Amino acid sequence: MGRTSAHGRRNGVRRARIAAELTQAELATSVGVTRQTVAAVEAGDYAPSVYLALAIARRLGSTVEDLFAAVPTPETNPTADPVATPKEASAATKGR
């Protein structure tokens, strides 16, 4: 999905920004922060406020959930175990 910093925060901001063909400076200007703030968010060194996360997601045509997923899934982290829904988990344990 994205990068993991020494702090362990994963996000897909850099990937989405590049896909949107924006520089860090352009994204920063459009959401009202500095380029350094965008760089820190991308690196996982800064957890943005809800308001900033929403602004970034909107500007990148994404959602906060897609950019800042808290739980790794196979879609966001190919090495993660799949996350089962409660219905799937119940069905998987019925015959035990």
PDB file of N, CA and C in Angstrom:
ATOM      1  N   MET A   1       0.821  -1.183   0.000  1.00  0.00           N
ATOM      2  CA  MET A   1       0.000   0.000   0.000  1.00  0.00           C
ATOM      3  C   MET A   1       0.855   1.233   0.000  1.00  0.00           C
ATOM      4  N   GLY A   2       1.637   1.385   1.003  1.00  0.00           N
ATOM      5  CA  GLY A   2       2.420   2.597   1.117  1.00  0.00           C
ATOM      6  C   GLY A   2       3.671   2.327   1.896  1.00  0.00           C
ATOM      7  N   ARG A   3       4.195   3.367   2.455  1.00  0.00           N
ATOM      8  CA  ARG A   3       5.455   3.271   3.177  1.00  0.00           C
ATOM      9  C   ARG A   3       5.206   3.068   4.659  1.00  0.00           C
ATOM     10  N   THR A   4       6.172   2.445   5.297  1.00  0.00           N
ATOM     11  CA  THR A   4       6.150   2.316   6.751  1.00  0.00           C
ATOM     12  C   THR A   4       7.364   3.042   7.286  1.00  0.00           C
ATOM     13  N   SER A   5       7.132   3.954   8.208  1.00  0.00           N
ATOM     14  CA  SER A   5       8.244   4.699   8.789  1.00  0.00           C
ATOM     15  C   SER A   5       8.767   3.964  10.005  1.00  0.00           C
ATOM     16  N   ALA A   6       9.755   4.540  10.620  1.00  0.00           N
ATOM     17  CA  ALA A   6      10.275   3.993  11.868  1.00  0.00           C
ATOM     18  C   ALA A   6       9.189   3.997  12.934  1.00  0.00           C
ATOM     19  N   HIS A   7       8.200   4.856  12.765  1.00  0.00           N
ATOM     20  CA  HIS A   7       7.094   4.936  13.718  1.00  0.00           C
ATOM     21  C   HIS A   7       6.004   3.925  13.389  1.00  0.00           C
ATOM     22  N   GLY A   8       6.100   3.257  12.239  1.00  0.00           N
ATOM     23  CA  GLY A   8       5.158   2.216  11.883  1.00  0.00           C
ATOM     24  C   GLY A   8       3.847   2.681  11.280  1.00  0.00           C
ATOM     25  N   ARG A   9       3.715   3.949  10.955  1.00  0.00           N
ATOM     26  CA  ARG A   9       2.474   4.435  10.354  1.00  0.00           C
ATOM     27  C   ARG A   9       2.527   4.209   8.852  1.00  0.00           C
ATOM     28  N   ARG A  10       1.541   3.504   8.338  1.00  0.00           N
ATOM     29  CA  ARG A  10       1.479   3.237   6.903  1.00  0.00           C
ATOM     30  C   ARG A  10       0.472   4.186   6.267  1.00  0.00           C
ATOM     31  N   ASN A  11       0.770   4.602   5.053  1.00  0.00           N
ATOM     32  CA  ASN A  11      -0.233   5.341   4.302  1.00  0.00           C
ATOM     33  C   ASN A  11       0.089   5.292   2.818  1.00  0.00           C
ATOM     34  N   GLY A  12      -0.898   5.638   2.022  1.00  0.00           N
ATOM     35  CA  GLY A  12      -0.751   5.604   0.578  1.00  0.00           C
ATOM     36  C   GLY A  12      -0.745   6.983  -0.047  1.00  0.00           C
ATOM     37  N   VAL A  13      -0.393   7.999   0.732  1.00  0.00           N
ATOM     38  CA  VAL A  13      -0.443   9.370   0.226  1.00  0.00           C
ATOM     39  C   VAL A  13       0.534   9.570  -0.924  1.00  0.00           C
ATOM     40  N   ARG A  14       1.746   9.114  -0.775  1.00  0.00           N
ATOM     41  CA  ARG A  14       2.747   9.321  -1.830  1.00  0.00           C
ATOM     42  C   ARG A  14       2.294   8.675  -3.137  1.00  0.00           C
ATOM     43  N   ARG A  15       1.841   7.420  -3.047  1.00  0.00           N
ATOM     44  CA  ARG A  15       1.380   6.697  -4.234  1.00  0.00           C
ATOM     45  C   ARG A  15       0.241   7.458  -4.914  1.00  0.00           C
ATOM     46  N   ALA A  16      -0.735   7.909  -4.127  1.00  0.00           N
ATOM     47  CA  ALA A  16      -1.882   8.622  -4.684  1.00  0.00           C
ATOM     48  C   ALA A  16      -1.478   9.976  -5.257  1.00  0.00           C
ATOM     49  N   ARG A  17      -0.547  10.653  -4.590  1.00  0.00           N
ATOM     50  CA  ARG A  17      -0.088  11.957  -5.089  1.00  0.00           C
ATOM     51  C   ARG A  17       0.603  11.807  -6.432  1.00  0.00           C
ATOM     52  N   ILE A  18       1.457  10.803  -6.540  1.00  0.00           N
ATOM     53  CA  ILE A  18       2.164  10.570  -7.800  1.00  0.00           C
ATOM     54  C   ILE A  18       1.173  10.188  -8.894  1.00  0.00           C
ATOM     55  N   ALA A  19       0.193   9.348  -8.557  1.00  0.00           N
ATOM     56  CA  ALA A  19      -0.828   8.964  -9.535  1.00  0.00           C
ATOM     57  C   ALA A  19      -1.625  10.176 -10.006  1.00  0.00           C
ATOM     58  N   ALA A  20      -1.803  11.154  -9.117  1.00  0.00           N
ATOM     59  CA  ALA A  20      -2.520  12.384  -9.465  1.00  0.00           C
ATOM     60  C   ALA A  20      -1.625  13.388 -10.183  1.00  0.00           C
ATOM     61  N   GLU A  21      -0.364  13.010 -10.375  1.00  0.00           N
ATOM     62  CA  GLU A  21       0.625  13.855 -11.056  1.00  0.00           C
ATOM     63  C   GLU A  21       0.802  15.208 -10.368  1.00  0.00           C
ATOM     64  N   LEU A  22       0.905  15.151  -9.044  1.00  0.00           N
ATOM     65  CA  LEU A  22       1.140  16.358  -8.252  1.00  0.00           C
ATOM     66  C   LEU A  22       2.490  16.263  -7.563  1.00  0.00           C
ATOM     67  N   THR A  23       3.131  17.400  -7.399  1.00  0.00           N
ATOM     68  CA  THR A  23       4.340  17.447  -6.581  1.00  0.00           C
ATOM     69  C   THR A  23       3.909  17.606  -5.124  1.00  0.00           C
ATOM     70  N   GLN A  24       4.855  17.392  -4.223  1.00  0.00           N
ATOM     71  CA  GLN A  24       4.556  17.634  -2.810  1.00  0.00           C
ATOM     72  C   GLN A  24       4.147  19.087  -2.607  1.00  0.00           C
ATOM     73  N   ALA A  25       4.828  19.994  -3.272  1.00  0.00           N
ATOM     74  CA  ALA A  25       4.528  21.426  -3.123  1.00  0.00           C
ATOM     75  C   ALA A  25       3.127  21.751  -3.630  1.00  0.00           C
ATOM     76  N   GLU A  26       2.730  21.169  -4.750  1.00  0.00           N
ATOM     77  CA  GLU A  26       1.393  21.427  -5.292  1.00  0.00           C
ATOM     78  C   GLU A  26       0.305  20.896  -4.359  1.00  0.00           C
ATOM     79  N   LEU A  27       0.503  19.687  -3.849  1.00  0.00           N
ATOM     80  CA  LEU A  27      -0.474  19.132  -2.905  1.00  0.00           C
ATOM     81  C   LEU A  27      -0.534  19.992  -1.645  1.00  0.00           C
ATOM     82  N   ALA A  28       0.629  20.375  -1.150  1.00  0.00           N
ATOM     83  CA  ALA A  28       0.691  21.195   0.062  1.00  0.00           C
ATOM     84  C   ALA A  28      -0.071  22.501  -0.113  1.00  0.00           C
ATOM     85  N   THR A  29       0.174  23.197  -1.199  1.00  0.00           N
ATOM     86  CA  THR A  29      -0.499  24.470  -1.460  1.00  0.00           C
ATOM     87  C   THR A  29      -2.009  24.280  -1.536  1.00  0.00           C
ATOM     88  N   SER A  30      -2.446  23.203  -2.184  1.00  0.00           N
ATOM     89  CA  SER A  30      -3.882  22.999  -2.369  1.00  0.00           C
ATOM     90  C   SER A  30      -4.615  22.630  -1.082  1.00  0.00           C
ATOM     91  N   VAL A  31      -3.892  22.111  -0.088  1.00  0.00           N
ATOM     92  CA  VAL A  31      -4.546  21.760   1.183  1.00  0.00           C
ATOM     93  C   VAL A  31      -4.141  22.688   2.326  1.00  0.00           C
ATOM     94  N   GLY A  32      -3.312  23.687   2.028  1.00  0.00           N
ATOM     95  CA  GLY A  32      -2.991  24.715   3.011  1.00  0.00           C
ATOM     96  C   GLY A  32      -1.935  24.368   4.040  1.00  0.00           C
ATOM     97  N   VAL A  33      -0.961  23.539   3.642  1.00  0.00           N
ATOM     98  CA  VAL A  33       0.153  23.216   4.539  1.00  0.00           C
ATOM     99  C   VAL A  33       1.464  23.413   3.784  1.00  0.00           C
ATOM    100  N   THR A  34       2.573  23.165   4.457  1.00  0.00           N
ATOM    101  CA  THR A  34       3.872  23.289   3.801  1.00  0.00           C
ATOM    102  C   THR A  34       4.244  21.987   3.094  1.00  0.00           C
ATOM    103  N   ARG A  35       5.191  22.092   2.192  1.00  0.00           N
ATOM    104  CA  ARG A  35       5.698  20.905   1.512  1.00  0.00           C
ATOM    105  C   ARG A  35       6.307  19.947   2.523  1.00  0.00           C
ATOM    106  N   GLN A  36       6.943  20.499   3.545  1.00  0.00           N
ATOM    107  CA  GLN A  36       7.560  19.666   4.575  1.00  0.00           C
ATOM    108  C   GLN A  36       6.511  18.840   5.324  1.00  0.00           C
ATOM    109  N   THR A  37       5.336  19.414   5.531  1.00  0.00           N
ATOM    110  CA  THR A  37       4.263  18.666   6.190  1.00  0.00           C
ATOM    111  C   THR A  37       3.822  17.498   5.323  1.00  0.00           C
ATOM    112  N   VAL A  38       3.658  17.742   4.032  1.00  0.00           N
ATOM    113  CA  VAL A  38       3.281  16.654   3.118  1.00  0.00           C
ATOM    114  C   VAL A  38       4.351  15.568   3.128  1.00  0.00           C
ATOM    115  N   ALA A  39       5.614  15.964   3.094  1.00  0.00           N
ATOM    116  CA  ALA A  39       6.709  14.985   3.127  1.00  0.00           C
ATOM    117  C   ALA A  39       6.653  14.157   4.407  1.00  0.00           C
ATOM    118  N   ALA A  40       6.382  14.802   5.533  1.00  0.00           N
ATOM    119  CA  ALA A  40       6.310  14.090   6.814  1.00  0.00           C
ATOM    120  C   ALA A  40       5.113  13.141   6.862  1.00  0.00           C
ATOM    121  N   VAL A  41       3.982  13.557   6.296  1.00  0.00           N
ATOM    122  CA  VAL A  41       2.810  12.678   6.232  1.00  0.00           C
ATOM    123  C   VAL A  41       3.134  11.463   5.375  1.00  0.00           C
ATOM    124  N   GLU A  42       3.718  11.691   4.206  1.00  0.00           N
ATOM    125  CA  GLU A  42       4.068  10.589   3.310  1.00  0.00           C
ATOM    126  C   GLU A  42       5.031   9.606   3.961  1.00  0.00           C
ATOM    127  N   ALA A  43       5.970  10.119   4.724  1.00  0.00           N
ATOM    128  CA  ALA A  43       6.973   9.269   5.374  1.00  0.00           C
ATOM    129  C   ALA A  43       6.415   8.554   6.599  1.00  0.00           C
ATOM    130  N   GLY A  44       5.223   8.957   7.040  1.00  0.00           N
ATOM    131  CA  GLY A  44       4.643   8.362   8.234  1.00  0.00           C
ATOM    132  C   GLY A  44       5.182   8.949   9.518  1.00  0.00           C
ATOM    133  N   ASP A  45       5.893  10.059   9.399  1.00  0.00           N
ATOM    134  CA  ASP A  45       6.470  10.707  10.576  1.00  0.00           C
ATOM    135  C   ASP A  45       5.515  11.698  11.230  1.00  0.00           C
ATOM    136  N   TYR A  46       4.399  11.988  10.569  1.00  0.00           N
ATOM    137  CA  TYR A  46       3.427  12.946  11.087  1.00  0.00           C
ATOM    138  C   TYR A  46       2.033  12.404  10.808  1.00  0.00           C
ATOM    139  N   ALA A  47       1.233  12.259  11.838  1.00  0.00           N
ATOM    140  CA  ALA A  47      -0.156  11.833  11.680  1.00  0.00           C
ATOM    141  C   ALA A  47      -1.010  13.081  11.506  1.00  0.00           C
ATOM    142  N   PRO A  48      -1.609  13.263  10.337  1.00  0.00           N
ATOM    143  CA  PRO A  48      -2.373  14.483  10.099  1.00  0.00           C
ATOM    144  C   PRO A  48      -3.655  14.514  10.925  1.00  0.00           C
ATOM    145  N   SER A  49      -4.146  15.725  11.156  1.00  0.00           N
ATOM    146  CA  SER A  49      -5.445  15.874  11.819  1.00  0.00           C
ATOM    147  C   SER A  49      -6.515  15.289  10.905  1.00  0.00           C
ATOM    148  N   VAL A  50      -7.680  15.078  11.452  1.00  0.00           N
ATOM    149  CA  VAL A  50      -8.800  14.586  10.645  1.00  0.00           C
ATOM    150  C   VAL A  50      -9.075  15.553   9.502  1.00  0.00           C
ATOM    151  N   TYR A  51      -9.011  16.834   9.798  1.00  0.00           N
ATOM    152  CA  TYR A  51      -9.299  17.839   8.776  1.00  0.00           C
ATOM    153  C   TYR A  51      -8.275  17.796   7.647  1.00  0.00           C
ATOM    154  N   LEU A  52      -7.006  17.664   7.996  1.00  0.00           N
ATOM    155  CA  LEU A  52      -5.969  17.593   6.967  1.00  0.00           C
ATOM    156  C   LEU A  52      -6.081  16.291   6.189  1.00  0.00           C
ATOM    157  N   ALA A  53      -6.334  15.187   6.870  1.00  0.00           N
ATOM    158  CA  ALA A  53      -6.487  13.904   6.180  1.00  0.00           C
ATOM    159  C   ALA A  53      -7.640  13.963   5.183  1.00  0.00           C
ATOM    160  N   LEU A  54      -8.751  14.582   5.579  1.00  0.00           N
ATOM    161  CA  LEU A  54      -9.888  14.734   4.663  1.00  0.00           C
ATOM    162  C   LEU A  54      -9.527  15.607   3.472  1.00  0.00           C
ATOM    163  N   ALA A  55      -8.831  16.708   3.720  1.00  0.00           N
ATOM    164  CA  ALA A  55      -8.436  17.610   2.634  1.00  0.00           C
ATOM    165  C   ALA A  55      -7.510  16.901   1.651  1.00  0.00           C
ATOM    166  N   ILE A  56      -6.554  16.147   2.170  1.00  0.00           N
ATOM    167  CA  ILE A  56      -5.631  15.405   1.305  1.00  0.00           C
ATOM    168  C   ILE A  56      -6.401  14.374   0.493  1.00  0.00           C
ATOM    169  N   ALA A  57      -7.268  13.629   1.152  1.00  0.00           N
ATOM    170  CA  ALA A  57      -8.040  12.596   0.451  1.00  0.00           C
ATOM    171  C   ALA A  57      -8.902  13.205  -0.645  1.00  0.00           C
ATOM    172  N   ARG A  58      -9.590  14.284  -0.332  1.00  0.00           N
ATOM    173  CA  ARG A  58     -10.435  14.930  -1.348  1.00  0.00           C
ATOM    174  C   ARG A  58      -9.603  15.418  -2.523  1.00  0.00           C
ATOM    175  N   ARG A  59      -8.476  16.061  -2.230  1.00  0.00           N
ATOM    176  CA  ARG A  59      -7.628  16.595  -3.305  1.00  0.00           C
ATOM    177  C   ARG A  59      -7.088  15.490  -4.191  1.00  0.00           C
ATOM    178  N   LEU A  60      -6.847  14.314  -3.603  1.00  0.00           N
ATOM    179  CA  LEU A  60      -6.299  13.193  -4.367  1.00  0.00           C
ATOM    180  C   LEU A  60      -7.389  12.290  -4.933  1.00  0.00           C
ATOM    181  N   GLY A  61      -8.651  12.682  -4.746  1.00  0.00           N
ATOM    182  CA  GLY A  61      -9.755  11.891  -5.282  1.00  0.00           C
ATOM    183  C   GLY A  61      -9.873  10.532  -4.623  1.00  0.00           C
ATOM    184  N   SER A  62      -9.607  10.494  -3.339  1.00  0.00           N
ATOM    185  CA  SER A  62      -9.595   9.241  -2.600  1.00  0.00           C
ATOM    186  C   SER A  62     -10.395   9.404  -1.318  1.00  0.00           C
ATOM    187  N   THR A  63     -10.263   8.441  -0.430  1.00  0.00           N
ATOM    188  CA  THR A  63     -10.900   8.524   0.878  1.00  0.00           C
ATOM    189  C   THR A  63      -9.831   8.412   1.952  1.00  0.00           C
ATOM    190  N   VAL A  64     -10.157   8.876   3.136  1.00  0.00           N
ATOM    191  CA  VAL A  64      -9.227   8.746   4.261  1.00  0.00           C
ATOM    192  C   VAL A  64      -8.935   7.270   4.504  1.00  0.00           C
ATOM    193  N   GLU A  65      -9.965   6.445   4.410  1.00  0.00           N
ATOM    194  CA  GLU A  65      -9.785   5.016   4.633  1.00  0.00           C
ATOM    195  C   GLU A  65      -8.792   4.413   3.651  1.00  0.00           C
ATOM    196  N   ASP A  66      -8.887   4.801   2.385  1.00  0.00           N
ATOM    197  CA  ASP A  66      -7.965   4.259   1.385  1.00  0.00           C
ATOM    198  C   ASP A  66      -6.540   4.755   1.597  1.00  0.00           C
ATOM    199  N   LEU A  67      -6.391   5.993   1.992  1.00  0.00           N
ATOM    200  CA  LEU A  67      -5.050   6.551   2.165  1.00  0.00           C
ATOM    201  C   LEU A  67      -4.405   6.176   3.488  1.00  0.00           C
ATOM    202  N   PHE A  68      -5.220   6.051   4.529  1.00  0.00           N
ATOM    203  CA  PHE A  68      -4.680   5.831   5.870  1.00  0.00           C
ATOM    204  C   PHE A  68      -5.292   4.594   6.521  1.00  0.00           C
ATOM    205  N   ALA A  69      -5.336   3.490   5.796  1.00  0.00           N
ATOM    206  CA  ALA A  69      -5.940   2.260   6.332  1.00  0.00           C
ATOM    207  C   ALA A  69      -5.220   1.839   7.610  1.00  0.00           C
ATOM    208  N   ALA A  70      -5.988   1.599   8.656  1.00  0.00           N
ATOM    209  CA  ALA A  70      -5.407   1.207   9.939  1.00  0.00           C
ATOM    210  C   ALA A  70      -5.083  -0.279   9.988  1.00  0.00           C
ATOM    211  N   VAL A  71      -5.851  -1.093   9.245  1.00  0.00           N
ATOM    212  CA  VAL A  71      -5.651  -2.536   9.266  1.00  0.00           C
ATOM    213  C   VAL A  71      -5.138  -2.976   7.908  1.00  0.00           C
ATOM    214  N   PRO A  72      -3.928  -3.555   7.847  1.00  0.00           N
ATOM    215  CA  PRO A  72      -3.433  -4.033   6.564  1.00  0.00           C
ATOM    216  C   PRO A  72      -4.329  -5.145   6.030  1.00  0.00           C
ATOM    217  N   THR A  73      -4.631  -5.081   4.757  1.00  0.00           N
ATOM    218  CA  THR A  73      -5.416  -6.114   4.090  1.00  0.00           C
ATOM    219  C   THR A  73      -4.610  -6.624   2.911  1.00  0.00           C
ATOM    220  N   PRO A  74      -4.998  -7.734   2.298  1.00  0.00           N
ATOM    221  CA  PRO A  74      -4.252  -8.207   1.128  1.00  0.00           C
ATOM    222  C   PRO A  74      -4.169  -7.153   0.021  1.00  0.00           C
ATOM    223  N   GLU A  75      -5.205  -6.307  -0.090  1.00  0.00           N
ATOM    224  CA  GLU A  75      -5.175  -5.266  -1.115  1.00  0.00           C
ATOM    225  C   GLU A  75      -4.144  -4.191  -0.795  1.00  0.00           C
ATOM    226  N   THR A  76      -3.981  -3.891   0.490  1.00  0.00           N
ATOM    227  CA  THR A  76      -3.066  -2.832   0.886  1.00  0.00           C
ATOM    228  C   THR A  76      -1.698  -3.355   1.281  1.00  0.00           C
ATOM    229  N   ASN A  77      -1.625  -4.638   1.628  1.00  0.00           N
ATOM    230  CA  ASN A  77      -0.360  -5.258   2.021  1.00  0.00           C
ATOM    231  C   ASN A  77      -0.406  -6.721   1.601  1.00  0.00           C
ATOM    232  N   PRO A  78       0.171  -7.061   0.450  1.00  0.00           N
ATOM    233  CA  PRO A  78       0.066  -8.418  -0.083  1.00  0.00           C
ATOM    234  C   PRO A  78       0.566  -9.506   0.863  1.00  0.00           C
ATOM    235  N   THR A  79       1.373  -9.173   1.858  1.00  0.00           N
ATOM    236  CA  THR A  79       1.875 -10.195   2.771  1.00  0.00           C
ATOM    237  C   THR A  79       0.991 -10.357   4.005  1.00  0.00           C
ATOM    238  N   ALA A  80      -0.063  -9.556   4.110  1.00  0.00           N
ATOM    239  CA  ALA A  80      -0.949  -9.638   5.276  1.00  0.00           C
ATOM    240  C   ALA A  80      -1.920 -10.797   5.123  1.00  0.00           C
ATOM    241  N   ASP A  81      -2.323 -11.345   6.250  1.00  0.00           N
ATOM    242  CA  ASP A  81      -3.372 -12.354   6.229  1.00  0.00           C
ATOM    243  C   ASP A  81      -4.682 -11.658   5.895  1.00  0.00           C
ATOM    244  N   PRO A  82      -5.566 -12.337   5.155  1.00  0.00           N
ATOM    245  CA  PRO A  82      -6.861 -11.721   4.850  1.00  0.00           C
ATOM    246  C   PRO A  82      -7.647 -11.453   6.131  1.00  0.00           C
ATOM    247  N   VAL A  83      -8.414 -10.386   6.116  1.00  0.00           N
ATOM    248  CA  VAL A  83      -9.254 -10.042   7.254  1.00  0.00           C
ATOM    249  C   VAL A  83     -10.653 -10.554   6.937  1.00  0.00           C
ATOM    250  N   ALA A  84     -11.145 -11.506   7.734  1.00  0.00           N
ATOM    251  CA  ALA A  84     -12.454 -12.095   7.499  1.00  0.00           C
ATOM    252  C   ALA A  84     -13.547 -11.227   8.106  1.00  0.00           C
ATOM    253  N   THR A  85     -14.679 -11.182   7.412  1.00  0.00           N
ATOM    254  CA  THR A  85     -15.846 -10.516   7.975  1.00  0.00           C
ATOM    255  C   THR A  85     -16.416 -11.420   9.060  1.00  0.00           C
ATOM    256  N   PRO A  86     -17.242 -10.895   9.963  1.00  0.00           N
ATOM    257  CA  PRO A  86     -17.834 -11.755  10.992  1.00  0.00           C
ATOM    258  C   PRO A  86     -18.584 -12.947  10.395  1.00  0.00           C
ATOM    259  N   LYS A  87     -19.280 -12.735   9.279  1.00  0.00           N
ATOM    260  CA  LYS A  87     -20.017 -13.819   8.622  1.00  0.00           C
ATOM    261  C   LYS A  87     -19.053 -14.888   8.115  1.00  0.00           C
ATOM    262  N   GLU A  88     -17.953 -14.459   7.485  1.00  0.00           N
ATOM    263  CA  GLU A  88     -16.953 -15.410   6.990  1.00  0.00           C
ATOM    264  C   GLU A  88     -16.300 -16.165   8.137  1.00  0.00           C
ATOM    265  N   ALA A  89     -15.998 -15.477   9.214  1.00  0.00           N
ATOM    266  CA  ALA A  89     -15.370 -16.124  10.364  1.00  0.00           C
ATOM    267  C   ALA A  89     -16.300 -17.160  10.977  1.00  0.00           C
ATOM    268  N   SER A  90     -17.582 -16.835  11.062  1.00  0.00           N
ATOM    269  CA  SER A  90     -18.564 -17.765  11.610  1.00  0.00           C
ATOM    270  C   SER A  90     -18.681 -19.004  10.736  1.00  0.00           C
ATOM    271  N   ALA A  91     -18.736 -18.815   9.429  1.00  0.00           N
ATOM    272  CA  ALA A  91     -18.843 -19.942   8.499  1.00  0.00           C
ATOM    273  C   ALA A  91     -17.607 -20.826   8.563  1.00  0.00           C
ATOM    274  N   ALA A  92     -16.453 -20.231   8.752  1.00  0.00           N
ATOM    275  CA  ALA A  92     -15.200 -20.988   8.783  1.00  0.00           C
ATOM    276  C   ALA A  92     -15.072 -21.830  10.041  1.00  0.00           C
ATOM    277  N   THR A  93     -15.719 -21.421  11.123  1.00  0.00           N
ATOM    278  CA  THR A  93     -15.576 -22.150  12.387  1.00  0.00           C
ATOM    279  C   THR A  93     -16.758 -23.059  12.693  1.00  0.00           C
ATOM    280  N   LYS A  94     -17.768 -23.103  11.841  1.00  0.00           N
ATOM    281  CA  LYS A  94     -18.966 -23.900  12.104  1.00  0.00           C
ATOM    282  C   LYS A  94     -18.681 -25.384  12.262  1.00  0.00           C
ATOM    283  N   GLY A  95     -17.854 -25.959  11.421  1.00  0.00           N
ATOM    284  CA  GLY A  95     -17.631 -27.396  11.441  1.00  0.00           C
ATOM    285  C   GLY A  95     -16.637 -27.864  12.476  1.00  0.00           C
ATOM    286  N   ARG A  96     -16.150 -27.000  13.315  1.00  0.00           N
ATOM    287  CA  ARG A  96     -15.102 -27.377  14.287  1.00  0.00           C
ATOM    288  C   ARG A  96     -15.660 -27.963  15.531  1.00  0.00           C
TER     289      ARG A  96
END
